[in-house]
Amino acid sequence: MTASITLIGDNLAQYEPSFQAWLSTQQLEASRKVLTNQKDAFCVQRYDLSTPITDGKYGELRAALLALADQTGIDHILQRSTPNIRQTGLAVFDMDSTLIKAEVMDELAVEMGIGEQIAAVTASAMRGEIDFVQSFTQRLSLLNGLSSDVMDSVYQRIEHMDGIGTLMQVLHHFCWKTAILSGGFTYFADRVQTDHGMTEVHANVLEIVDCKLTGNYVGPIVDAKRKQVLLAELSQKYAIPANQTIACGDGANDLLMLNDAALGVALHAKPIVRQQAPCPMNQLGLDGVLYLLGLSSDEISSLVNA
């Protein structure tokens, strides 16, 4: 499939002439399709490019579109290809700040009374300023002695990301495999998996002794490299071709899998991830992924309400 550019924002009808002029300056020819309708609170337009995009042109074009997004507040999302939603595929997701609106480590730290201290380290790690594994072990050690009894109440107060139910329902309708690849913890990832019927979970295991966290973990840490490896392993396990894979995350430890997937969506991402990930998306929740797969609002509604 040819490359495409998806615009997501408000008042795209007013912006369209300006964007069409920009396409002309770039010597790009495209056919436009409006994916939303008048009932929607936002607008989505997809431009399928008939002009071939070379490797050299892709990087230049992506940088220009990111600059336009920053200037206008409208997502300008360049895709080199689009997985076929109607064929079986594999979609993998980071959990913290992607499937849920929280960083679980930070929420546990609040229960210890050291929320601000750990949140600062978490933010630095997600921006790619410090090594993830180093920050993970450092933060976890500070939770030594925390009662495991608090974990249920922590999960109960966490909001799930906007659009998660819609996205999972549509993916599962088309028999996609969905997996959580999380640098967070299995206790919470398992709950998200159950709530949304996801296929499997790979996350970090907390060591708990006598109903208290020890500040240690069990097994390998799910870091950036592990997520990348898991994407490849799951593709092989389920016999999913590379062009039928989606990865979605927000932090620096998601970049490897985002760049390996056919569609790598950086959702409300940290600045370094927004700069380096293939498809940064800020204007919608997880259901925005469905527009990047070419579905319209009417198609999404019919699938959800079927």
C-alpha atoms as a PDB file:
ATOM      1  CA  MET A   1       0.000   0.000   0.000  1.00  0.00           C
ATOM      2  CA  THR A   2       1.155   3.531  -0.717  1.00  0.00           C
ATOM      3  CA  ALA A   3       2.251   6.040   1.892  1.00  0.00           C
ATOM      4  CA  SER A   4      -0.349   8.261   3.517  1.00  0.00           C
ATOM      5  CA  ILE A   5      -0.697  11.352   5.685  1.00  0.00           C
ATOM      6  CA  THR A   6      -3.495  11.539   8.264  1.00  0.00           C
ATOM      7  CA  LEU A   7      -4.580  14.864   9.728  1.00  0.00           C
ATOM      8  CA  ILE A   8      -6.385  14.876  13.074  1.00  0.00           C
ATOM      9  CA  GLY A   9      -7.688  18.060  14.680  1.00  0.00           C
ATOM     10  CA  ASP A  10     -10.387  20.735  14.664  1.00  0.00           C
ATOM     11  CA  ASN A  11     -11.616  22.840  11.736  1.00  0.00           C
ATOM     12  CA  LEU A  12      -9.705  20.884   9.120  1.00  0.00           C
ATOM     13  CA  ALA A  13     -11.954  22.343   6.435  1.00  0.00           C
ATOM     14  CA  GLN A  14     -10.355  25.731   7.101  1.00  0.00           C
ATOM     15  CA  TYR A  15      -6.871  24.229   7.142  1.00  0.00           C
ATOM     16  CA  GLU A  16      -7.313  22.091   4.016  1.00  0.00           C
ATOM     17  CA  PRO A  17      -6.426  24.760   1.389  1.00  0.00           C
ATOM     18  CA  SER A  18      -3.216  25.539   3.252  1.00  0.00           C
ATOM     19  CA  PHE A  19      -2.287  21.878   3.470  1.00  0.00           C
ATOM     20  CA  GLN A  20      -3.110  21.283  -0.198  1.00  0.00           C
ATOM     21  CA  ALA A  21      -0.778  24.158  -1.061  1.00  0.00           C
ATOM     22  CA  TRP A  22       1.925  22.605   1.107  1.00  0.00           C
ATOM     23  CA  LEU A  23       1.529  19.281  -0.704  1.00  0.00           C
ATOM     24  CA  SER A  24       2.052  21.108  -3.986  1.00  0.00           C
ATOM     25  CA  THR A  25       5.269  22.708  -2.745  1.00  0.00           C
ATOM     26  CA  GLN A  26       6.483  19.224  -1.836  1.00  0.00           C
ATOM     27  CA  GLN A  27       5.488  17.937  -5.296  1.00  0.00           C
ATOM     28  CA  LEU A  28       3.203  15.378  -3.705  1.00  0.00           C
ATOM     29  CA  GLU A  29      -0.003  14.154  -5.301  1.00  0.00           C
ATOM     30  CA  ALA A  30      -2.657  12.667  -3.059  1.00  0.00           C
ATOM     31  CA  SER A  31      -6.297  11.630  -2.915  1.00  0.00           C
ATOM     32  CA  ARG A  32      -8.199  12.864   0.142  1.00  0.00           C
ATOM     33  CA  LYS A  33     -10.773  10.951   2.178  1.00  0.00           C
ATOM     34  CA  VAL A  34     -12.698  12.400   5.139  1.00  0.00           C
ATOM     35  CA  LEU A  35     -12.996   9.718   7.833  1.00  0.00           C
ATOM     36  CA  THR A  36     -15.199  11.564  10.328  1.00  0.00           C
ATOM     37  CA  ASN A  37     -18.688  13.036  10.106  1.00  0.00           C
ATOM     38  CA  GLN A  38     -20.513  16.097  11.428  1.00  0.00           C
ATOM     39  CA  LYS A  39     -21.424  14.319  14.678  1.00  0.00           C
ATOM     40  CA  ASP A  40     -17.778  13.929  15.663  1.00  0.00           C
ATOM     41  CA  ALA A  41     -16.113  16.468  17.942  1.00  0.00           C
ATOM     42  CA  PHE A  42     -12.940  16.260  15.830  1.00  0.00           C
ATOM     43  CA  CYS A  43     -11.969  15.862  12.198  1.00  0.00           C
ATOM     44  CA  VAL A  44      -9.834  13.212  10.496  1.00  0.00           C
ATOM     45  CA  GLN A  45      -8.659  13.451   6.888  1.00  0.00           C
ATOM     46  CA  ARG A  46      -6.514  10.849   5.168  1.00  0.00           C
ATOM     47  CA  TYR A  47      -4.352  11.672   2.163  1.00  0.00           C
ATOM     48  CA  ASP A  48      -3.177   8.627   0.217  1.00  0.00           C
ATOM     49  CA  LEU A  49      -0.052   9.610  -1.686  1.00  0.00           C
ATOM     50  CA  SER A  50       0.378   8.535  -5.293  1.00  0.00           C
ATOM     51  CA  THR A  51       3.890   9.982  -5.333  1.00  0.00           C
ATOM     52  CA  PRO A  52       6.511   7.377  -4.320  1.00  0.00           C
ATOM     53  CA  ILE A  53       8.434   8.246  -1.137  1.00  0.00           C
ATOM     54  CA  THR A  54      12.125   7.315  -1.120  1.00  0.00           C
ATOM     55  CA  ASP A  55      14.045   6.586   2.088  1.00  0.00           C
ATOM     56  CA  GLY A  56      15.764   9.946   1.894  1.00  0.00           C
ATOM     57  CA  LYS A  57      12.528  11.814   1.222  1.00  0.00           C
ATOM     58  CA  TYR A  58      10.736  10.015   4.060  1.00  0.00           C
ATOM     59  CA  GLY A  59      12.933  11.474   6.804  1.00  0.00           C
ATOM     60  CA  GLU A  60      12.712  14.957   5.340  1.00  0.00           C
ATOM     61  CA  LEU A  61       8.955  14.716   4.918  1.00  0.00           C
ATOM     62  CA  ARG A  62       8.397  13.349   8.398  1.00  0.00           C
ATOM     63  CA  ALA A  63      10.377  16.223   9.970  1.00  0.00           C
ATOM     64  CA  ALA A  64       8.413  18.789   7.980  1.00  0.00           C
ATOM     65  CA  LEU A  65       5.075  17.269   9.004  1.00  0.00           C
ATOM     66  CA  LEU A  66       6.105  17.176  12.661  1.00  0.00           C
ATOM     67  CA  ALA A  67       6.958  20.885  12.433  1.00  0.00           C
ATOM     68  CA  LEU A  68       3.532  21.564  10.916  1.00  0.00           C
ATOM     69  CA  ALA A  69       1.903  19.607  13.743  1.00  0.00           C
ATOM     70  CA  ASP A  70       3.738  21.704  16.326  1.00  0.00           C
ATOM     71  CA  GLN A  71       2.735  24.936  14.568  1.00  0.00           C
ATOM     72  CA  THR A  72      -0.943  24.110  14.070  1.00  0.00           C
ATOM     73  CA  GLY A  73      -1.876  21.772  16.909  1.00  0.00           C
ATOM     74  CA  ILE A  74      -3.112  19.345  14.245  1.00  0.00           C
ATOM     75  CA  ASP A  75      -1.626  15.846  14.045  1.00  0.00           C
ATOM     76  CA  HIS A  76       0.134  15.303  10.690  1.00  0.00           C
ATOM     77  CA  ILE A  77       0.864  11.570  10.726  1.00  0.00           C
ATOM     78  CA  LEU A  78       2.980  10.075   7.954  1.00  0.00           C
ATOM     79  CA  GLN A  79       2.682   6.326   7.354  1.00  0.00           C
ATOM     80  CA  ARG A  80       4.862   4.441   4.923  1.00  0.00           C
ATOM     81  CA  SER A  81       2.260   1.662   4.851  1.00  0.00           C
ATOM     82  CA  THR A  82      -0.982   0.646   6.527  1.00  0.00           C
ATOM     83  CA  PRO A  83      -1.719  -2.786   8.020  1.00  0.00           C
ATOM     84  CA  ASN A  84      -4.914  -4.375   6.754  1.00  0.00           C
ATOM     85  CA  ILE A  85      -7.346  -4.291   9.678  1.00  0.00           C
ATOM     86  CA  ARG A  86      -9.506  -6.950   8.009  1.00  0.00           C
ATOM     87  CA  GLN A  87      -6.703  -9.509   8.065  1.00  0.00           C
ATOM     88  CA  THR A  88      -5.335 -11.066  11.260  1.00  0.00           C
ATOM     89  CA  GLY A  89      -2.555  -9.069  12.855  1.00  0.00           C
ATOM     90  CA  LEU A  90      -0.668  -8.403  16.074  1.00  0.00           C
ATOM     91  CA  ALA A  91      -0.953  -5.242  18.170  1.00  0.00           C
ATOM     92  CA  VAL A  92       1.336  -4.706  21.169  1.00  0.00           C
ATOM     93  CA  PHE A  93       1.007  -1.980  23.769  1.00  0.00           C
ATOM     94  CA  ASP A  94       2.970  -0.352  26.517  1.00  0.00           C
ATOM     95  CA  MET A  95       0.745  -0.078  29.594  1.00  0.00           C
ATOM     96  CA  ASP A  96       1.636   2.936  31.739  1.00  0.00           C
ATOM     97  CA  SER A  97       0.445   6.200  30.144  1.00  0.00           C
ATOM     98  CA  THR A  98      -0.648   4.218  27.074  1.00  0.00           C
ATOM     99  CA  LEU A  99      -3.358   1.752  28.099  1.00  0.00           C
ATOM    100  CA  ILE A 100      -3.852   3.516  31.426  1.00  0.00           C
ATOM    101  CA  LYS A 101      -3.555   7.165  32.436  1.00  0.00           C
ATOM    102  CA  ALA A 102      -0.935   6.607  35.106  1.00  0.00           C
ATOM    103  CA  GLU A 103       2.569   5.398  35.860  1.00  0.00           C
ATOM    104  CA  VAL A 104       1.983   2.538  38.307  1.00  0.00           C
ATOM    105  CA  MET A 105       5.360   2.938  39.992  1.00  0.00           C
ATOM    106  CA  ASP A 106       4.455   6.547  40.774  1.00  0.00           C
ATOM    107  CA  GLU A 107       1.071   5.531  42.172  1.00  0.00           C
ATOM    108  CA  LEU A 108       2.685   2.962  44.479  1.00  0.00           C
ATOM    109  CA  ALA A 109       5.167   5.611  45.572  1.00  0.00           C
ATOM    110  CA  VAL A 110       2.259   7.837  46.609  1.00  0.00           C
ATOM    111  CA  GLU A 111       1.213   5.053  48.997  1.00  0.00           C
ATOM    112  CA  MET A 112       4.759   5.163  50.467  1.00  0.00           C
ATOM    113  CA  GLY A 113       4.630   8.936  50.822  1.00  0.00           C
ATOM    114  CA  ILE A 114       7.438   9.452  48.291  1.00  0.00           C
ATOM    115  CA  GLY A 115       5.356  10.189  45.211  1.00  0.00           C
ATOM    116  CA  GLU A 116       7.158  13.308  44.034  1.00  0.00           C
ATOM    117  CA  GLN A 117      10.589  11.760  44.537  1.00  0.00           C
ATOM    118  CA  ILE A 118       9.870   8.741  42.356  1.00  0.00           C
ATOM    119  CA  ALA A 119       7.763  10.637  39.796  1.00  0.00           C
ATOM    120  CA  ALA A 120      10.737  12.851  38.964  1.00  0.00           C
ATOM    121  CA  VAL A 121      12.911   9.806  38.230  1.00  0.00           C
ATOM    122  CA  THR A 122      10.121   8.181  36.197  1.00  0.00           C
ATOM    123  CA  ALA A 123       9.696  11.280  34.049  1.00  0.00           C
ATOM    124  CA  SER A 124      13.428  11.480  33.420  1.00  0.00           C
ATOM    125  CA  ALA A 125      13.544   7.837  32.344  1.00  0.00           C
ATOM    126  CA  MET A 126      10.566   8.211  29.999  1.00  0.00           C
ATOM    127  CA  ARG A 127      12.257  11.227  28.401  1.00  0.00           C
ATOM    128  CA  GLY A 128      15.285   9.047  27.752  1.00  0.00           C
ATOM    129  CA  GLU A 129      17.556  11.094  30.014  1.00  0.00           C
ATOM    130  CA  ILE A 130      18.603   8.167  32.206  1.00  0.00           C
ATOM    131  CA  ASP A 131      18.836   4.427  31.652  1.00  0.00           C
ATOM    132  CA  PHE A 132      15.483   2.687  32.119  1.00  0.00           C
ATOM    133  CA  VAL A 133      16.829  -0.403  33.922  1.00  0.00           C
ATOM    134  CA  GLN A 134      18.897   1.725  36.289  1.00  0.00           C
ATOM    135  CA  SER A 135      15.934   3.972  37.067  1.00  0.00           C
ATOM    136  CA  PHE A 136      13.599   0.987  37.422  1.00  0.00           C
ATOM    137  CA  THR A 137      15.731  -0.774  40.036  1.00  0.00           C
ATOM    138  CA  GLN A 138      16.398   2.501  41.831  1.00  0.00           C
ATOM    139  CA  ARG A 139      12.715   3.410  42.091  1.00  0.00           C
ATOM    140  CA  LEU A 140      11.597  -0.105  42.978  1.00  0.00           C
ATOM    141  CA  SER A 141      14.076  -0.364  45.840  1.00  0.00           C
ATOM    142  CA  LEU A 142      12.378   2.616  47.476  1.00  0.00           C
ATOM    143  CA  LEU A 143       9.116   0.635  47.691  1.00  0.00           C
ATOM    144  CA  ASN A 144      10.628  -1.902  50.106  1.00  0.00           C
ATOM    145  CA  GLY A 145       8.145  -2.577  52.898  1.00  0.00           C
ATOM    146  CA  LEU A 146       5.028  -1.325  51.122  1.00  0.00           C
ATOM    147  CA  SER A 147       2.004  -3.499  51.891  1.00  0.00           C
ATOM    148  CA  SER A 148       0.778  -5.432  48.856  1.00  0.00           C
ATOM    149  CA  ASP A 149      -2.748  -4.846  50.124  1.00  0.00           C
ATOM    150  CA  VAL A 150      -2.700  -1.341  48.602  1.00  0.00           C
ATOM    151  CA  MET A 151      -2.388  -2.608  45.026  1.00  0.00           C
ATOM    152  CA  ASP A 152      -6.076  -3.263  44.507  1.00  0.00           C
ATOM    153  CA  SER A 153      -7.078   0.228  45.604  1.00  0.00           C
ATOM    154  CA  VAL A 154      -4.326   1.706  43.429  1.00  0.00           C
ATOM    155  CA  TYR A 155      -5.705  -0.137  40.395  1.00  0.00           C
ATOM    156  CA  GLN A 156      -9.269   0.916  41.203  1.00  0.00           C
ATOM    157  CA  ARG A 157      -8.351   4.621  41.062  1.00  0.00           C
ATOM    158  CA  ILE A 158      -6.431   4.407  37.789  1.00  0.00           C
ATOM    159  CA  GLU A 159      -8.283   5.596  34.686  1.00  0.00           C
ATOM    160  CA  HIS A 160      -7.974   3.607  31.494  1.00  0.00           C
ATOM    161  CA  MET A 161      -6.931   5.494  28.372  1.00  0.00           C
ATOM    162  CA  ASP A 162      -9.653   7.091  26.281  1.00  0.00           C
ATOM    163  CA  GLY A 163     -10.731   4.844  23.430  1.00  0.00           C
ATOM    164  CA  ILE A 164      -9.212   1.628  24.798  1.00  0.00           C
ATOM    165  CA  GLY A 165     -12.495  -0.280  24.740  1.00  0.00           C
ATOM    166  CA  THR A 166     -13.316   0.770  21.180  1.00  0.00           C
ATOM    167  CA  LEU A 167      -9.866  -0.127  19.876  1.00  0.00           C
ATOM    168  CA  MET A 168      -9.789  -3.546  21.528  1.00  0.00           C
ATOM    169  CA  GLN A 169     -13.315  -4.390  20.440  1.00  0.00           C
ATOM    170  CA  VAL A 170     -12.537  -3.636  16.783  1.00  0.00           C
ATOM    171  CA  LEU A 171      -9.161  -5.398  16.797  1.00  0.00           C
ATOM    172  CA  HIS A 172     -10.672  -8.495  18.373  1.00  0.00           C
ATOM    173  CA  HIS A 173     -13.587  -8.408  15.919  1.00  0.00           C
ATOM    174  CA  PHE A 174     -11.018  -8.938  13.166  1.00  0.00           C
ATOM    175  CA  CYS A 175      -9.216 -11.640  15.195  1.00  0.00           C
ATOM    176  CA  TRP A 176      -6.115  -9.608  15.969  1.00  0.00           C
ATOM    177  CA  LYS A 177      -3.799 -10.743  18.761  1.00  0.00           C
ATOM    178  CA  THR A 178      -3.279  -8.054  21.406  1.00  0.00           C
ATOM    179  CA  ALA A 179      -0.461  -8.072  23.937  1.00  0.00           C
ATOM    180  CA  ILE A 180       0.732  -5.867  26.776  1.00  0.00           C
ATOM    181  CA  LEU A 181       4.524  -5.332  26.786  1.00  0.00           C
ATOM    182  CA  SER A 182       5.041  -3.313  29.926  1.00  0.00           C
ATOM    183  CA  GLY A 183       7.878  -1.995  32.013  1.00  0.00           C
ATOM    184  CA  GLY A 184       5.254  -1.904  34.759  1.00  0.00           C
ATOM    185  CA  PHE A 185       4.010  -4.817  36.837  1.00  0.00           C
ATOM    186  CA  THR A 186       2.085  -7.994  36.090  1.00  0.00           C
ATOM    187  CA  TYR A 187      -0.440  -7.394  38.880  1.00  0.00           C
ATOM    188  CA  PHE A 188      -1.762  -4.342  37.043  1.00  0.00           C
ATOM    189  CA  ALA A 189      -1.151  -5.579  33.496  1.00  0.00           C
ATOM    190  CA  ASP A 190      -3.072  -8.771  34.241  1.00  0.00           C
ATOM    191  CA  ARG A 191      -6.034  -6.682  35.386  1.00  0.00           C
ATOM    192  CA  VAL A 192      -5.954  -4.588  32.206  1.00  0.00           C
ATOM    193  CA  GLN A 193      -5.732  -7.779  30.144  1.00  0.00           C
ATOM    194  CA  THR A 194      -8.808  -9.211  31.873  1.00  0.00           C
ATOM    195  CA  ASP A 195     -10.799  -5.990  31.604  1.00  0.00           C
ATOM    196  CA  HIS A 196     -10.261  -5.736  27.841  1.00  0.00           C
ATOM    197  CA  GLY A 197      -9.898  -9.357  26.748  1.00  0.00           C
ATOM    198  CA  MET A 198      -6.324  -9.000  25.555  1.00  0.00           C
ATOM    199  CA  THR A 199      -4.371 -12.040  24.405  1.00  0.00           C
ATOM    200  CA  GLU A 200      -1.327 -12.030  26.689  1.00  0.00           C
ATOM    201  CA  VAL A 201       0.870 -10.033  29.052  1.00  0.00           C
ATOM    202  CA  HIS A 202       4.601  -9.533  29.443  1.00  0.00           C
ATOM    203  CA  ALA A 203       5.528  -7.308  32.375  1.00  0.00           C
ATOM    204  CA  ASN A 204       7.721  -7.180  35.461  1.00  0.00           C
ATOM    205  CA  VAL A 205       6.984  -9.384  38.466  1.00  0.00           C
ATOM    206  CA  LEU A 206       7.081  -7.793  41.904  1.00  0.00           C
ATOM    207  CA  GLU A 207       8.706  -9.806  44.679  1.00  0.00           C
ATOM    208  CA  ILE A 208       6.311  -9.979  47.616  1.00  0.00           C
ATOM    209  CA  VAL A 209       7.158 -11.604  50.956  1.00  0.00           C
ATOM    210  CA  ASP A 210       4.734 -11.707  53.881  1.00  0.00           C
ATOM    211  CA  CYS A 211       2.342  -9.397  52.020  1.00  0.00           C
ATOM    212  CA  LYS A 212       5.012  -6.713  51.595  1.00  0.00           C
ATOM    213  CA  LEU A 213       6.981  -5.539  48.589  1.00  0.00           C
ATOM    214  CA  THR A 214      10.695  -6.267  49.029  1.00  0.00           C
ATOM    215  CA  GLY A 215      11.862  -3.616  46.575  1.00  0.00           C
ATOM    216  CA  ASN A 216      13.039  -6.389  44.251  1.00  0.00           C
ATOM    217  CA  TYR A 217      11.678  -8.059  41.116  1.00  0.00           C
ATOM    218  CA  VAL A 218      11.570 -11.625  39.834  1.00  0.00           C
ATOM    219  CA  GLY A 219      12.747 -12.622  36.346  1.00  0.00           C
ATOM    220  CA  PRO A 220      13.947 -10.426  33.475  1.00  0.00           C
ATOM    221  CA  ILE A 221      13.121  -6.729  33.281  1.00  0.00           C
ATOM    222  CA  VAL A 222      10.878  -5.748  30.383  1.00  0.00           C
ATOM    223  CA  ASP A 223      12.975  -2.897  28.997  1.00  0.00           C
ATOM    224  CA  ALA A 224      13.222  -1.429  25.492  1.00  0.00           C
ATOM    225  CA  LYS A 225      15.251  -4.312  24.059  1.00  0.00           C
ATOM    226  CA  ARG A 226      12.974  -6.909  25.669  1.00  0.00           C
ATOM    227  CA  LYS A 227       9.920  -5.242  24.131  1.00  0.00           C
ATOM    228  CA  GLN A 228      11.597  -5.308  20.720  1.00  0.00           C
ATOM    229  CA  VAL A 229      12.430  -9.001  21.098  1.00  0.00           C
ATOM    230  CA  LEU A 230       8.909  -9.823  22.310  1.00  0.00           C
ATOM    231  CA  LEU A 231       7.355  -8.125  19.282  1.00  0.00           C
ATOM    232  CA  ALA A 232       9.423 -10.349  17.005  1.00  0.00           C
ATOM    233  CA  GLU A 233       8.767 -13.484  19.068  1.00  0.00           C
ATOM    234  CA  LEU A 234       5.020 -12.916  19.175  1.00  0.00           C
ATOM    235  CA  SER A 235       4.927 -12.271  15.439  1.00  0.00           C
ATOM    236  CA  GLN A 236       6.593 -15.625  14.909  1.00  0.00           C
ATOM    237  CA  LYS A 237       4.448 -17.383  17.522  1.00  0.00           C
ATOM    238  CA  TYR A 238       1.190 -16.302  15.886  1.00  0.00           C
ATOM    239  CA  ALA A 239       2.536 -16.428  12.289  1.00  0.00           C
ATOM    240  CA  ILE A 240       1.846 -12.719  11.786  1.00  0.00           C
ATOM    241  CA  PRO A 241       3.797 -11.056   8.946  1.00  0.00           C
ATOM    242  CA  ALA A 242       5.763  -7.909   9.789  1.00  0.00           C
ATOM    243  CA  ASN A 243       3.431  -5.747   7.691  1.00  0.00           C
ATOM    244  CA  GLN A 244       0.512  -6.709   9.955  1.00  0.00           C
ATOM    245  CA  THR A 245       1.994  -5.433  13.242  1.00  0.00           C
ATOM    246  CA  ILE A 246       1.127  -2.426  15.385  1.00  0.00           C
ATOM    247  CA  ALA A 247       3.016  -1.089  18.399  1.00  0.00           C
ATOM    248  CA  CYS A 248       1.815   1.714  20.644  1.00  0.00           C
ATOM    249  CA  GLY A 249       3.667   3.438  23.483  1.00  0.00           C
ATOM    250  CA  ASP A 250       4.694   6.795  24.885  1.00  0.00           C
ATOM    251  CA  GLY A 251       8.162   6.517  26.450  1.00  0.00           C
ATOM    252  CA  ALA A 252      11.764   6.239  25.343  1.00  0.00           C
ATOM    253  CA  ASN A 253      11.743   2.549  26.279  1.00  0.00           C
ATOM    254  CA  ASP A 254       9.097   2.008  23.573  1.00  0.00           C
ATOM    255  CA  LEU A 255      11.088   3.424  20.658  1.00  0.00           C
ATOM    256  CA  LEU A 256      12.650   0.155  19.495  1.00  0.00           C
ATOM    257  CA  MET A 257       9.322  -1.635  19.149  1.00  0.00           C
ATOM    258  CA  LEU A 258       7.637   1.438  17.656  1.00  0.00           C
ATOM    259  CA  ASN A 259      10.236   1.586  14.917  1.00  0.00           C
ATOM    260  CA  ASP A 260      10.061  -2.168  14.234  1.00  0.00           C
ATOM    261  CA  ALA A 261       6.274  -2.358  13.844  1.00  0.00           C
ATOM    262  CA  ALA A 262       4.534  -1.682  10.542  1.00  0.00           C
ATOM    263  CA  LEU A 263       2.530   0.978  12.388  1.00  0.00           C
ATOM    264  CA  GLY A 264       4.331   2.468  15.378  1.00  0.00           C
ATOM    265  CA  VAL A 265       2.091   4.947  17.211  1.00  0.00           C
ATOM    266  CA  ALA A 266       3.563   7.242  19.853  1.00  0.00           C
ATOM    267  CA  LEU A 267       0.523   8.244  21.920  1.00  0.00           C
ATOM    268  CA  HIS A 268       0.756  11.581  23.752  1.00  0.00           C
ATOM    269  CA  ALA A 269       4.472  10.874  23.746  1.00  0.00           C
ATOM    270  CA  LYS A 270       7.393  12.433  25.535  1.00  0.00           C
ATOM    271  CA  PRO A 271       9.336  14.940  23.355  1.00  0.00           C
ATOM    272  CA  ILE A 272      12.203  12.610  22.469  1.00  0.00           C
ATOM    273  CA  VAL A 273       9.727   9.893  21.467  1.00  0.00           C
ATOM    274  CA  ARG A 274       7.643  12.330  19.449  1.00  0.00           C
ATOM    275  CA  GLN A 275      10.778  13.302  17.552  1.00  0.00           C
ATOM    276  CA  GLN A 276      11.953   9.754  16.868  1.00  0.00           C
ATOM    277  CA  ALA A 277       8.850   7.542  16.634  1.00  0.00           C
ATOM    278  CA  PRO A 278       7.221   6.911  13.250  1.00  0.00           C
ATOM    279  CA  CYS A 279       3.667   8.082  14.015  1.00  0.00           C
ATOM    280  CA  PRO A 280       3.228  10.550  16.902  1.00  0.00           C
ATOM    281  CA  MET A 281      -0.447  11.136  17.735  1.00  0.00           C
ATOM    282  CA  ASN A 282      -1.586  13.722  20.289  1.00  0.00           C
ATOM    283  CA  GLN A 283      -5.152  14.657  19.402  1.00  0.00           C
ATOM    284  CA  LEU A 284      -7.044  11.420  20.140  1.00  0.00           C
ATOM    285  CA  GLY A 285      -6.975   8.454  22.498  1.00  0.00           C
ATOM    286  CA  LEU A 286      -6.315   4.851  21.561  1.00  0.00           C
ATOM    287  CA  ASP A 287      -9.279   4.749  19.191  1.00  0.00           C
ATOM    288  CA  GLY A 288      -7.288   7.115  16.997  1.00  0.00           C
ATOM    289  CA  VAL A 289      -5.276   4.081  15.903  1.00  0.00           C
ATOM    290  CA  LEU A 290      -8.352   2.897  14.001  1.00  0.00           C
ATOM    291  CA  TYR A 291      -8.290   6.005  11.802  1.00  0.00           C
ATOM    292  CA  LEU A 292      -4.631   5.298  11.023  1.00  0.00           C
ATOM    293  CA  LEU A 293      -5.844   1.901   9.818  1.00  0.00           C
ATOM    294  CA  GLY A 294      -8.163   3.705   7.414  1.00  0.00           C
ATOM    295  CA  LEU A 295     -11.483   3.113   9.161  1.00  0.00           C
ATOM    296  CA  SER A 296     -14.118   5.838   9.195  1.00  0.00           C
ATOM    297  CA  SER A 297     -16.248   6.922  12.155  1.00  0.00           C
ATOM    298  CA  ASP A 298     -19.270   5.241  10.607  1.00  0.00           C
ATOM    299  CA  GLU A 299     -17.377   1.969  10.127  1.00  0.00           C
ATOM    300  CA  ILE A 300     -16.069   2.074  13.693  1.00  0.00           C
ATOM    301  CA  SER A 301     -19.551   2.732  15.082  1.00  0.00           C
ATOM    302  CA  SER A 302     -21.072  -0.125  13.123  1.00  0.00           C
ATOM    303  CA  LEU A 303     -18.414  -2.529  14.386  1.00  0.00           C
ATOM    304  CA  VAL A 304     -18.739  -1.434  18.019  1.00  0.00           C
ATOM    305  CA  ASN A 305     -22.530  -1.571  17.922  1.00  0.00           C
ATOM    306  CA  ALA A 306     -22.767  -4.839  15.977  1.00  0.00           C
END
